[in-house]
Amino acid sequence: MFNLDLLFQKSDLIPAVVQEAGSGEVLMLGFTNREAVERTIRTKTVWFWSRSRQELWNKGETSGNYLHVKEIFADCDTDTLLYICVPDGPVCHTGAHSCFFNRIEL
């Protein structure tokens, strides 16, 4: 079993990327702490730490668009998580499928 202590050696708050299980599309990025990760593992829905509200939040608790976790990966430096999920609906608070829709032209 993976040692969660490894994730929080550098910081109490780490990024968590959410990727759609079927398509591989990146849906959003949030920040998580140890308690949020533990809740994510326990409930199999994604929990984040809200930096603006300074509280834990379960993605989907107000919209109904939960993110159901199928797999979790830590990166090679053990300071970022990747959640592979099946969303119940649009992930972005704007109603878009993904939060990444603002293309920057090169």
PDB file of N, CA and C in Angstrom:
ATOM      1  N   MET A   1       0.844  -1.194   0.000  1.00  0.00           N
ATOM      2  CA  MET A   1       0.000   0.000   0.000  1.00  0.00           C
ATOM      3  C   MET A   1       0.879   1.244   0.000  1.00  0.00           C
ATOM      4  N   PHE A   2       0.463   2.249  -0.732  1.00  0.00           N
ATOM      5  CA  PHE A   2       1.216   3.487  -0.855  1.00  0.00           C
ATOM      6  C   PHE A   2       1.182   4.260   0.457  1.00  0.00           C
ATOM      7  N   ASN A   3       2.298   4.802   0.872  1.00  0.00           N
ATOM      8  CA  ASN A   3       2.409   5.585   2.102  1.00  0.00           C
ATOM      9  C   ASN A   3       2.041   7.041   1.803  1.00  0.00           C
ATOM     10  N   LEU A   4       0.889   7.485   2.292  1.00  0.00           N
ATOM     11  CA  LEU A   4       0.425   8.850   2.039  1.00  0.00           C
ATOM     12  C   LEU A   4       1.353   9.904   2.618  1.00  0.00           C
ATOM     13  N   ASP A   5       2.133   9.553   3.621  1.00  0.00           N
ATOM     14  CA  ASP A   5       3.077  10.511   4.206  1.00  0.00           C
ATOM     15  C   ASP A   5       4.050  11.039   3.154  1.00  0.00           C
ATOM     16  N   LEU A   6       4.365  10.217   2.159  1.00  0.00           N
ATOM     17  CA  LEU A   6       5.289  10.633   1.107  1.00  0.00           C
ATOM     18  C   LEU A   6       4.772  11.836   0.333  1.00  0.00           C
ATOM     19  N   LEU A   7       3.452  11.948   0.198  1.00  0.00           N
ATOM     20  CA  LEU A   7       2.858  13.032  -0.580  1.00  0.00           C
ATOM     21  C   LEU A   7       3.033  14.399   0.060  1.00  0.00           C
ATOM     22  N   PHE A   8       3.108  14.439   1.360  1.00  0.00           N
ATOM     23  CA  PHE A   8       3.054  15.724   2.058  1.00  0.00           C
ATOM     24  C   PHE A   8       4.355  16.049   2.782  1.00  0.00           C
ATOM     25  N   GLN A   9       5.473  15.575   2.256  1.00  0.00           N
ATOM     26  CA  GLN A   9       6.774  15.881   2.836  1.00  0.00           C
ATOM     27  C   GLN A   9       7.211  17.310   2.537  1.00  0.00           C
ATOM     28  N   LYS A  10       6.822  17.830   1.364  1.00  0.00           N
ATOM     29  CA  LYS A  10       7.261  19.165   0.942  1.00  0.00           C
ATOM     30  C   LYS A  10       6.244  20.250   1.279  1.00  0.00           C
ATOM     31  N   SER A  11       4.982  19.867   1.330  1.00  0.00           N
ATOM     32  CA  SER A  11       3.921  20.849   1.534  1.00  0.00           C
ATOM     33  C   SER A  11       2.679  20.151   2.080  1.00  0.00           C
ATOM     34  N   ASP A  12       1.875  20.894   2.827  1.00  0.00           N
ATOM     35  CA  ASP A  12       0.619  20.347   3.335  1.00  0.00           C
ATOM     36  C   ASP A  12      -0.469  20.339   2.267  1.00  0.00           C
ATOM     37  N   LEU A  13      -0.225  21.030   1.162  1.00  0.00           N
ATOM     38  CA  LEU A  13      -1.197  21.169   0.087  1.00  0.00           C
ATOM     39  C   LEU A  13      -0.494  20.835  -1.233  1.00  0.00           C
ATOM     40  N   ILE A  14      -1.078  19.902  -1.996  1.00  0.00           N
ATOM     41  CA  ILE A  14      -0.480  19.511  -3.274  1.00  0.00           C
ATOM     42  C   ILE A  14      -1.532  19.552  -4.377  1.00  0.00           C
ATOM     43  N   PRO A  15      -1.090  19.711  -5.635  1.00  0.00           N
ATOM     44  CA  PRO A  15      -2.038  19.710  -6.749  1.00  0.00           C
ATOM     45  C   PRO A  15      -2.554  18.306  -7.046  1.00  0.00           C
ATOM     46  N   ALA A  16      -3.791  18.275  -7.532  1.00  0.00           N
ATOM     47  CA  ALA A  16      -4.411  17.023  -7.966  1.00  0.00           C
ATOM     48  C   ALA A  16      -5.069  17.270  -9.315  1.00  0.00           C
ATOM     49  N   VAL A  17      -4.604  16.559 -10.318  1.00  0.00           N
ATOM     50  CA  VAL A  17      -5.130  16.660 -11.675  1.00  0.00           C
ATOM     51  C   VAL A  17      -6.229  15.620 -11.820  1.00  0.00           C
ATOM     52  N   VAL A  18      -7.342  16.018 -12.431  1.00  0.00           N
ATOM     53  CA  VAL A  18      -8.443  15.090 -12.677  1.00  0.00           C
ATOM     54  C   VAL A  18      -8.512  14.813 -14.169  1.00  0.00           C
ATOM     55  N   GLN A  19      -8.457  13.533 -14.515  1.00  0.00           N
ATOM     56  CA  GLN A  19      -8.497  13.089 -15.900  1.00  0.00           C
ATOM     57  C   GLN A  19      -9.690  12.156 -16.087  1.00  0.00           C
ATOM     58  N   GLU A  20     -10.385  12.296 -17.205  1.00  0.00           N
ATOM     59  CA  GLU A  20     -11.542  11.447 -17.485  1.00  0.00           C
ATOM     60  C   GLU A  20     -11.084  10.039 -17.855  1.00  0.00           C
ATOM     61  N   ALA A  21     -11.700   9.055 -17.226  1.00  0.00           N
ATOM     62  CA  ALA A  21     -11.298   7.658 -17.421  1.00  0.00           C
ATOM     63  C   ALA A  21     -11.445   7.215 -18.866  1.00  0.00           C
ATOM     64  N   GLY A  22     -12.532   7.537 -19.521  1.00  0.00           N
ATOM     65  CA  GLY A  22     -12.776   7.040 -20.871  1.00  0.00           C
ATOM     66  C   GLY A  22     -11.939   7.712 -21.935  1.00  0.00           C
ATOM     67  N   SER A  23     -11.887   9.028 -21.915  1.00  0.00           N
ATOM     68  CA  SER A  23     -11.253   9.781 -23.001  1.00  0.00           C
ATOM     69  C   SER A  23      -9.808  10.178 -22.712  1.00  0.00           C
ATOM     70  N   GLY A  24      -9.426  10.222 -21.452  1.00  0.00           N
ATOM     71  CA  GLY A  24      -8.100  10.710 -21.091  1.00  0.00           C
ATOM     72  C   GLY A  24      -8.021  12.225 -21.034  1.00  0.00           C
ATOM     73  N   GLU A  25      -9.141  12.904 -21.273  1.00  0.00           N
ATOM     74  CA  GLU A  25      -9.168  14.367 -21.246  1.00  0.00           C
ATOM     75  C   GLU A  25      -8.901  14.880 -19.833  1.00  0.00           C
ATOM     76  N   VAL A  26      -8.089  15.928 -19.732  1.00  0.00           N
ATOM     77  CA  VAL A  26      -7.856  16.576 -18.447  1.00  0.00           C
ATOM     78  C   VAL A  26      -9.072  17.453 -18.153  1.00  0.00           C
ATOM     79  N   LEU A  27      -9.697  17.214 -17.017  1.00  0.00           N
ATOM     80  CA  LEU A  27     -10.943  17.909 -16.683  1.00  0.00           C
ATOM     81  C   LEU A  27     -10.739  19.108 -15.774  1.00  0.00           C
ATOM     82  N   MET A  28      -9.859  18.989 -14.807  1.00  0.00           N
ATOM     83  CA  MET A  28      -9.649  20.094 -13.872  1.00  0.00           C
ATOM     84  C   MET A  28      -8.397  19.857 -13.057  1.00  0.00           C
ATOM     85  N   LEU A  29      -8.009  20.870 -12.310  1.00  0.00           N
ATOM     86  CA  LEU A  29      -6.916  20.808 -11.356  1.00  0.00           C
ATOM     87  C   LEU A  29      -7.430  21.408 -10.060  1.00  0.00           C
ATOM     88  N   GLY A  30      -7.165  20.744  -8.972  1.00  0.00           N
ATOM     89  CA  GLY A  30      -7.521  21.273  -7.662  1.00  0.00           C
ATOM     90  C   GLY A  30      -6.366  21.034  -6.714  1.00  0.00           C
ATOM     91  N   PHE A  31      -6.531  21.466  -5.486  1.00  0.00           N
ATOM     92  CA  PHE A  31      -5.511  21.247  -4.465  1.00  0.00           C
ATOM     93  C   PHE A  31      -6.078  20.361  -3.378  1.00  0.00           C
ATOM     94  N   THR A  32      -5.220  19.553  -2.820  1.00  0.00           N
ATOM     95  CA  THR A  32      -5.674  18.584  -1.834  1.00  0.00           C
ATOM     96  C   THR A  32      -4.701  18.526  -0.657  1.00  0.00           C
ATOM     97  N   ASN A  33      -5.230  18.150   0.482  1.00  0.00           N
ATOM     98  CA  ASN A  33      -4.396  17.893   1.650  1.00  0.00           C
ATOM     99  C   ASN A  33      -4.607  16.441   2.066  1.00  0.00           C
ATOM    100  N   ARG A  34      -3.949  16.039   3.124  1.00  0.00           N
ATOM    101  CA  ARG A  34      -4.018  14.632   3.503  1.00  0.00           C
ATOM    102  C   ARG A  34      -5.449  14.202   3.835  1.00  0.00           C
ATOM    103  N   GLU A  35      -6.177  15.021   4.571  1.00  0.00           N
ATOM    104  CA  GLU A  35      -7.548  14.649   4.932  1.00  0.00           C
ATOM    105  C   GLU A  35      -8.425  14.494   3.690  1.00  0.00           C
ATOM    106  N   ALA A  36      -8.250  15.379   2.714  1.00  0.00           N
ATOM    107  CA  ALA A  36      -9.035  15.281   1.479  1.00  0.00           C
ATOM    108  C   ALA A  36      -8.689  13.999   0.714  1.00  0.00           C
ATOM    109  N   VAL A  37      -7.412  13.632   0.683  1.00  0.00           N
ATOM    110  CA  VAL A  37      -7.009  12.391   0.015  1.00  0.00           C
ATOM    111  C   VAL A  37      -7.613  11.188   0.736  1.00  0.00           C
ATOM    112  N   GLU A  38      -7.566  11.198   2.051  1.00  0.00           N
ATOM    113  CA  GLU A  38      -8.145  10.085   2.819  1.00  0.00           C
ATOM    114  C   GLU A  38      -9.641   9.955   2.563  1.00  0.00           C
ATOM    115  N   ARG A  39     -10.343  11.089   2.496  1.00  0.00           N
ATOM    116  CA  ARG A  39     -11.778  11.054   2.196  1.00  0.00           C
ATOM    117  C   ARG A  39     -12.041  10.575   0.772  1.00  0.00           C
ATOM    118  N   THR A  40     -11.183  10.987  -0.163  1.00  0.00           N
ATOM    119  CA  THR A  40     -11.310  10.536  -1.544  1.00  0.00           C
ATOM    120  C   THR A  40     -11.181   9.022  -1.620  1.00  0.00           C
ATOM    121  N   ILE A  41     -10.194   8.486  -0.940  1.00  0.00           N
ATOM    122  CA  ILE A  41      -9.991   7.031  -0.942  1.00  0.00           C
ATOM    123  C   ILE A  41     -11.182   6.319  -0.295  1.00  0.00           C
ATOM    124  N   ARG A  42     -11.668   6.869   0.790  1.00  0.00           N
ATOM    125  CA  ARG A  42     -12.771   6.240   1.521  1.00  0.00           C
ATOM    126  C   ARG A  42     -14.089   6.293   0.754  1.00  0.00           C
ATOM    127  N   THR A  43     -14.398   7.450   0.144  1.00  0.00           N
ATOM    128  CA  THR A  43     -15.702   7.631  -0.506  1.00  0.00           C
ATOM    129  C   THR A  43     -15.676   7.303  -2.003  1.00  0.00           C
ATOM    130  N   LYS A  44     -14.468   7.242  -2.573  1.00  0.00           N
ATOM    131  CA  LYS A  44     -14.292   7.041  -4.018  1.00  0.00           C
ATOM    132  C   LYS A  44     -14.917   8.161  -4.839  1.00  0.00           C
ATOM    133  N   THR A  45     -15.066   9.341  -4.224  1.00  0.00           N
ATOM    134  CA  THR A  45     -15.402  10.578  -4.922  1.00  0.00           C
ATOM    135  C   THR A  45     -14.330  11.591  -4.535  1.00  0.00           C
ATOM    136  N   VAL A  46     -14.068  12.557  -5.424  1.00  0.00           N
ATOM    137  CA  VAL A  46     -12.936  13.472  -5.213  1.00  0.00           C
ATOM    138  C   VAL A  46     -13.265  14.555  -4.187  1.00  0.00           C
ATOM    139  N   TRP A  47     -12.350  14.701  -3.249  1.00  0.00           N
ATOM    140  CA  TRP A  47     -12.376  15.776  -2.255  1.00  0.00           C
ATOM    141  C   TRP A  47     -11.173  16.676  -2.494  1.00  0.00           C
ATOM    142  N   PHE A  48     -11.374  17.971  -2.327  1.00  0.00           N
ATOM    143  CA  PHE A  48     -10.303  18.962  -2.462  1.00  0.00           C
ATOM    144  C   PHE A  48     -10.264  19.838  -1.218  1.00  0.00           C
ATOM    145  N   TRP A  49      -9.198  20.629  -1.142  1.00  0.00           N
ATOM    146  CA  TRP A  49      -9.113  21.694  -0.162  1.00  0.00           C
ATOM    147  C   TRP A  49      -9.342  22.990  -0.920  1.00  0.00           C
ATOM    148  N   SER A  50     -10.353  23.750  -0.514  1.00  0.00           N
ATOM    149  CA  SER A  50     -10.638  25.036  -1.140  1.00  0.00           C
ATOM    150  C   SER A  50      -9.712  26.090  -0.546  1.00  0.00           C
ATOM    151  N   ARG A  51      -8.836  26.632  -1.383  1.00  0.00           N
ATOM    152  CA  ARG A  51      -7.923  27.670  -0.902  1.00  0.00           C
ATOM    153  C   ARG A  51      -8.659  28.967  -0.623  1.00  0.00           C
ATOM    154  N   SER A  52      -9.737  29.246  -1.338  1.00  0.00           N
ATOM    155  CA  SER A  52     -10.481  30.491  -1.119  1.00  0.00           C
ATOM    156  C   SER A  52     -11.374  30.413   0.117  1.00  0.00           C
ATOM    157  N   ARG A  53     -12.013  29.262   0.330  1.00  0.00           N
ATOM    158  CA  ARG A  53     -12.917  29.110   1.479  1.00  0.00           C
ATOM    159  C   ARG A  53     -12.224  28.521   2.699  1.00  0.00           C
ATOM    160  N   GLN A  54     -11.001  27.996   2.492  1.00  0.00           N
ATOM    161  CA  GLN A  54     -10.242  27.376   3.578  1.00  0.00           C
ATOM    162  C   GLN A  54     -11.022  26.245   4.239  1.00  0.00           C
ATOM    163  N   GLU A  55     -11.558  25.360   3.380  1.00  0.00           N
ATOM    164  CA  GLU A  55     -12.304  24.208   3.891  1.00  0.00           C
ATOM    165  C   GLU A  55     -12.272  23.065   2.877  1.00  0.00           C
ATOM    166  N   LEU A  56     -12.551  21.861   3.362  1.00  0.00           N
ATOM    167  CA  LEU A  56     -12.668  20.703   2.485  1.00  0.00           C
ATOM    168  C   LEU A  56     -13.958  20.797   1.681  1.00  0.00           C
ATOM    169  N   TRP A  57     -13.926  20.295   0.448  1.00  0.00           N
ATOM    170  CA  TRP A  57     -15.154  20.212  -0.340  1.00  0.00           C
ATOM    171  C   TRP A  57     -15.134  18.981  -1.221  1.00  0.00           C
ATOM    172  N   ASN A  58     -16.290  18.373  -1.301  1.00  0.00           N
ATOM    173  CA  ASN A  58     -16.491  17.192  -2.135  1.00  0.00           C
ATOM    174  C   ASN A  58     -17.025  17.681  -3.473  1.00  0.00           C
ATOM    175  N   LYS A  59     -16.218  17.514  -4.529  1.00  0.00           N
ATOM    176  CA  LYS A  59     -16.619  17.987  -5.858  1.00  0.00           C
ATOM    177  C   LYS A  59     -17.938  17.322  -6.249  1.00  0.00           C
ATOM    178  N   GLY A  60     -18.942  18.155  -6.476  1.00  0.00           N
ATOM    179  CA  GLY A  60     -20.258  17.663  -6.858  1.00  0.00           C
ATOM    180  C   GLY A  60     -21.297  17.783  -5.768  1.00  0.00           C
ATOM    181  N   GLU A  61     -20.893  18.145  -4.550  1.00  0.00           N
ATOM    182  CA  GLU A  61     -21.876  18.167  -3.460  1.00  0.00           C
ATOM    183  C   GLU A  61     -22.964  19.211  -3.657  1.00  0.00           C
ATOM    184  N   THR A  62     -22.681  20.293  -4.385  1.00  0.00           N
ATOM    185  CA  THR A  62     -23.741  21.270  -4.649  1.00  0.00           C
ATOM    186  C   THR A  62     -24.353  21.093  -6.035  1.00  0.00           C
ATOM    187  N   SER A  63     -23.538  20.684  -7.021  1.00  0.00           N
ATOM    188  CA  SER A  63     -24.035  20.553  -8.404  1.00  0.00           C
ATOM    189  C   SER A  63     -24.623  19.177  -8.700  1.00  0.00           C
ATOM    190  N   GLY A  64     -24.216  18.175  -7.921  1.00  0.00           N
ATOM    191  CA  GLY A  64     -24.612  16.808  -8.211  1.00  0.00           C
ATOM    192  C   GLY A  64     -23.693  16.129  -9.212  1.00  0.00           C
ATOM    193  N   ASN A  65     -22.707  16.864  -9.714  1.00  0.00           N
ATOM    194  CA  ASN A  65     -21.771  16.335 -10.707  1.00  0.00           C
ATOM    195  C   ASN A  65     -20.518  15.801 -10.017  1.00  0.00           C
ATOM    196  N   TYR A  66     -20.679  14.683  -9.346  1.00  0.00           N
ATOM    197  CA  TYR A  66     -19.567  14.073  -8.621  1.00  0.00           C
ATOM    198  C   TYR A  66     -18.536  13.498  -9.572  1.00  0.00           C
ATOM    199  N   LEU A  67     -17.317  13.368  -9.077  1.00  0.00           N
ATOM    200  CA  LEU A  67     -16.231  12.712  -9.795  1.00  0.00           C
ATOM    201  C   LEU A  67     -15.972  11.382  -9.111  1.00  0.00           C
ATOM    202  N   HIS A  68     -16.287  10.286  -9.786  1.00  0.00           N
ATOM    203  CA  HIS A  68     -16.126   8.941  -9.230  1.00  0.00           C
ATOM    204  C   HIS A  68     -14.732   8.422  -9.576  1.00  0.00           C
ATOM    205  N   VAL A  69     -13.945   8.177  -8.549  1.00  0.00           N
ATOM    206  CA  VAL A  69     -12.537   7.813  -8.724  1.00  0.00           C
ATOM    207  C   VAL A  69     -12.401   6.336  -9.067  1.00  0.00           C
ATOM    208  N   LYS A  70     -11.685   6.074 -10.159  1.00  0.00           N
ATOM    209  CA  LYS A  70     -11.391   4.706 -10.591  1.00  0.00           C
ATOM    210  C   LYS A  70      -9.961   4.313 -10.251  1.00  0.00           C
ATOM    211  N   GLU A  71      -9.035   5.274 -10.345  1.00  0.00           N
ATOM    212  CA  GLU A  71      -7.634   5.030 -10.028  1.00  0.00           C
ATOM    213  C   GLU A  71      -7.005   6.319  -9.524  1.00  0.00           C
ATOM    214  N   ILE A  72      -5.946   6.169  -8.722  1.00  0.00           N
ATOM    215  CA  ILE A  72      -5.158   7.307  -8.248  1.00  0.00           C
ATOM    216  C   ILE A  72      -3.694   6.986  -8.473  1.00  0.00           C
ATOM    217  N   PHE A  73      -2.972   7.971  -9.006  1.00  0.00           N
ATOM    218  CA  PHE A  73      -1.534   7.836  -9.210  1.00  0.00           C
ATOM    219  C   PHE A  73      -0.824   9.023  -8.578  1.00  0.00           C
ATOM    220  N   ALA A  74       0.351   8.770  -8.012  1.00  0.00           N
ATOM    221  CA  ALA A  74       1.245   9.834  -7.563  1.00  0.00           C
ATOM    222  C   ALA A  74       2.331   9.992  -8.618  1.00  0.00           C
ATOM    223  N   ASP A  75       2.813  11.218  -8.799  1.00  0.00           N
ATOM    224  CA  ASP A  75       3.888  11.424  -9.765  1.00  0.00           C
ATOM    225  C   ASP A  75       5.220  10.944  -9.194  1.00  0.00           C
ATOM    226  N   CYS A  76       6.263  11.008 -10.020  1.00  0.00           N
ATOM    227  CA  CYS A  76       7.572  10.469  -9.648  1.00  0.00           C
ATOM    228  C   CYS A  76       8.191  11.179  -8.445  1.00  0.00           C
ATOM    229  N   ASP A  77       7.825  12.443  -8.208  1.00  0.00           N
ATOM    230  CA  ASP A  77       8.350  13.191  -7.064  1.00  0.00           C
ATOM    231  C   ASP A  77       7.455  13.070  -5.831  1.00  0.00           C
ATOM    232  N   THR A  78       6.378  12.342  -5.956  1.00  0.00           N
ATOM    233  CA  THR A  78       5.352  12.173  -4.911  1.00  0.00           C
ATOM    234  C   THR A  78       4.898  13.503  -4.324  1.00  0.00           C
ATOM    235  N   ASP A  79       4.644  14.481  -5.246  1.00  0.00           N
ATOM    236  CA  ASP A  79       4.110  15.759  -4.774  1.00  0.00           C
ATOM    237  C   ASP A  79       2.944  16.255  -5.631  1.00  0.00           C
ATOM    238  N   THR A  80       2.393  15.373  -6.454  1.00  0.00           N
ATOM    239  CA  THR A  80       1.216  15.679  -7.269  1.00  0.00           C
ATOM    240  C   THR A  80       0.431  14.385  -7.457  1.00  0.00           C
ATOM    241  N   LEU A  81      -0.898  14.515  -7.448  1.00  0.00           N
ATOM    242  CA  LEU A  81      -1.751  13.347  -7.670  1.00  0.00           C
ATOM    243  C   LEU A  81      -2.477  13.449  -9.002  1.00  0.00           C
ATOM    244  N   LEU A  82      -2.790  12.295  -9.548  1.00  0.00           N
ATOM    245  CA  LEU A  82      -3.621  12.184 -10.741  1.00  0.00           C
ATOM    246  C   LEU A  82      -4.798  11.298 -10.386  1.00  0.00           C
ATOM    247  N   TYR A  83      -6.010  11.867 -10.481  1.00  0.00           N
ATOM    248  CA  TYR A  83      -7.227  11.105 -10.244  1.00  0.00           C
ATOM    249  C   TYR A  83      -7.834  10.734 -11.599  1.00  0.00           C
ATOM    250  N   ILE A  84      -8.020   9.461 -11.844  1.00  0.00           N
ATOM    251  CA  ILE A  84      -8.707   8.983 -13.041  1.00  0.00           C
ATOM    252  C   ILE A  84     -10.162   8.781 -12.631  1.00  0.00           C
ATOM    253  N   CYS A  85     -11.066   9.522 -13.276  1.00  0.00           N
ATOM    254  CA  CYS A  85     -12.447   9.594 -12.792  1.00  0.00           C
ATOM    255  C   CYS A  85     -13.485   9.428 -13.895  1.00  0.00           C
ATOM    256  N   VAL A  86     -14.674   9.100 -13.456  1.00  0.00           N
ATOM    257  CA  VAL A  86     -15.867   9.137 -14.301  1.00  0.00           C
ATOM    258  C   VAL A  86     -16.751  10.235 -13.717  1.00  0.00           C
ATOM    259  N   PRO A  87     -16.974  11.321 -14.474  1.00  0.00           N
ATOM    260  CA  PRO A  87     -17.800  12.419 -13.968  1.00  0.00           C
ATOM    261  C   PRO A  87     -19.290  12.141 -14.166  1.00  0.00           C
ATOM    262  N   ASP A  88     -20.106  12.657 -13.248  1.00  0.00           N
ATOM    263  CA  ASP A  88     -21.562  12.546 -13.385  1.00  0.00           C
ATOM    264  C   ASP A  88     -22.129  13.544 -14.386  1.00  0.00           C
ATOM    265  N   GLY A  89     -21.377  14.583 -14.681  1.00  0.00           N
ATOM    266  CA  GLY A  89     -21.837  15.630 -15.592  1.00  0.00           C
ATOM    267  C   GLY A  89     -20.707  16.602 -15.838  1.00  0.00           C
ATOM    268  N   PRO A  90     -21.035  17.823 -16.253  1.00  0.00           N
ATOM    269  CA  PRO A  90     -20.003  18.818 -16.489  1.00  0.00           C
ATOM    270  C   PRO A  90     -19.149  19.019 -15.232  1.00  0.00           C
ATOM    271  N   VAL A  91     -17.858  19.184 -15.427  1.00  0.00           N
ATOM    272  CA  VAL A  91     -16.943  19.333 -14.292  1.00  0.00           C
ATOM    273  C   VAL A  91     -16.750  20.797 -13.916  1.00  0.00           C
ATOM    274  N   CYS A  92     -16.688  21.658 -14.909  1.00  0.00           N
ATOM    275  CA  CYS A  92     -16.424  23.073 -14.644  1.00  0.00           C
ATOM    276  C   CYS A  92     -17.652  23.772 -14.050  1.00  0.00           C
ATOM    277  N   HIS A  93     -17.388  24.718 -13.147  1.00  0.00           N
ATOM    278  CA  HIS A  93     -18.498  25.474 -12.546  1.00  0.00           C
ATOM    279  C   HIS A  93     -19.233  26.336 -13.574  1.00  0.00           C
ATOM    280  N   THR A  94     -18.624  26.518 -14.773  1.00  0.00           N
ATOM    281  CA  THR A  94     -19.286  27.281 -15.834  1.00  0.00           C
ATOM    282  C   THR A  94     -20.301  26.437 -16.594  1.00  0.00           C
ATOM    283  N   GLY A  95     -20.277  25.124 -16.327  1.00  0.00           N
ATOM    284  CA  GLY A  95     -21.143  24.212 -17.060  1.00  0.00           C
ATOM    285  C   GLY A  95     -20.429  23.505 -18.195  1.00  0.00           C
ATOM    286  N   ALA A  96     -19.162  23.856 -18.432  1.00  0.00           N
ATOM    287  CA  ALA A  96     -18.366  23.196 -19.476  1.00  0.00           C
ATOM    288  C   ALA A  96     -17.940  21.807 -18.996  1.00  0.00           C
ATOM    289  N   HIS A  97     -17.718  20.920 -19.946  1.00  0.00           N
ATOM    290  CA  HIS A  97     -17.302  19.547 -19.623  1.00  0.00           C
ATOM    291  C   HIS A  97     -15.971  19.543 -18.876  1.00  0.00           C
ATOM    292  N   SER A  98     -15.035  20.386 -19.313  1.00  0.00           N
ATOM    293  CA  SER A  98     -13.706  20.493 -18.706  1.00  0.00           C
ATOM    294  C   SER A  98     -13.447  21.946 -18.340  1.00  0.00           C
ATOM    295  N   CYS A  99     -12.610  22.167 -17.357  1.00  0.00           N
ATOM    296  CA  CYS A  99     -12.219  23.532 -16.992  1.00  0.00           C
ATOM    297  C   CYS A  99     -11.218  24.119 -17.979  1.00  0.00           C
ATOM    298  N   PHE A 100     -10.658  23.271 -18.848  1.00  0.00           N
ATOM    299  CA  PHE A 100      -9.627  23.719 -19.779  1.00  0.00           C
ATOM    300  C   PHE A 100     -10.217  23.942 -21.166  1.00  0.00           C
ATOM    301  N   PHE A 101     -10.803  25.143 -21.349  1.00  0.00           N
ATOM    302  CA  PHE A 101     -11.402  25.460 -22.647  1.00  0.00           C
ATOM    303  C   PHE A 101     -10.944  26.811 -23.184  1.00  0.00           C
ATOM    304  N   ASN A 102     -10.110  27.519 -22.443  1.00  0.00           N
ATOM    305  CA  ASN A 102      -9.603  28.821 -22.882  1.00  0.00           C
ATOM    306  C   ASN A 102      -8.285  28.632 -23.618  1.00  0.00           C
ATOM    307  N   ARG A 103      -8.368  28.491 -24.931  1.00  0.00           N
ATOM    308  CA  ARG A 103      -7.178  28.266 -25.758  1.00  0.00           C
ATOM    309  C   ARG A 103      -6.358  29.551 -25.843  1.00  0.00           C
ATOM    310  N   ILE A 104      -5.069  29.417 -25.660  1.00  0.00           N
ATOM    311  CA  ILE A 104      -4.132  30.522 -25.843  1.00  0.00           C
ATOM    312  C   ILE A 104      -3.391  30.269 -27.150  1.00  0.00           C
ATOM    313  N   GLU A 105      -3.549  31.170 -28.078  1.00  0.00           N
ATOM    314  CA  GLU A 105      -2.939  31.010 -29.405  1.00  0.00           C
ATOM    315  C   GLU A 105      -1.429  31.132 -29.314  1.00  0.00           C
ATOM    316  N   LEU A 106      -0.748  30.309 -30.093  1.00  0.00           N
ATOM    317  CA  LEU A 106       0.732  30.360 -30.142  1.00  0.00           C
ATOM    318  C   LEU A 106       1.196  31.205 -31.295  1.00  0.00           C
TER     319      LEU A 106
END
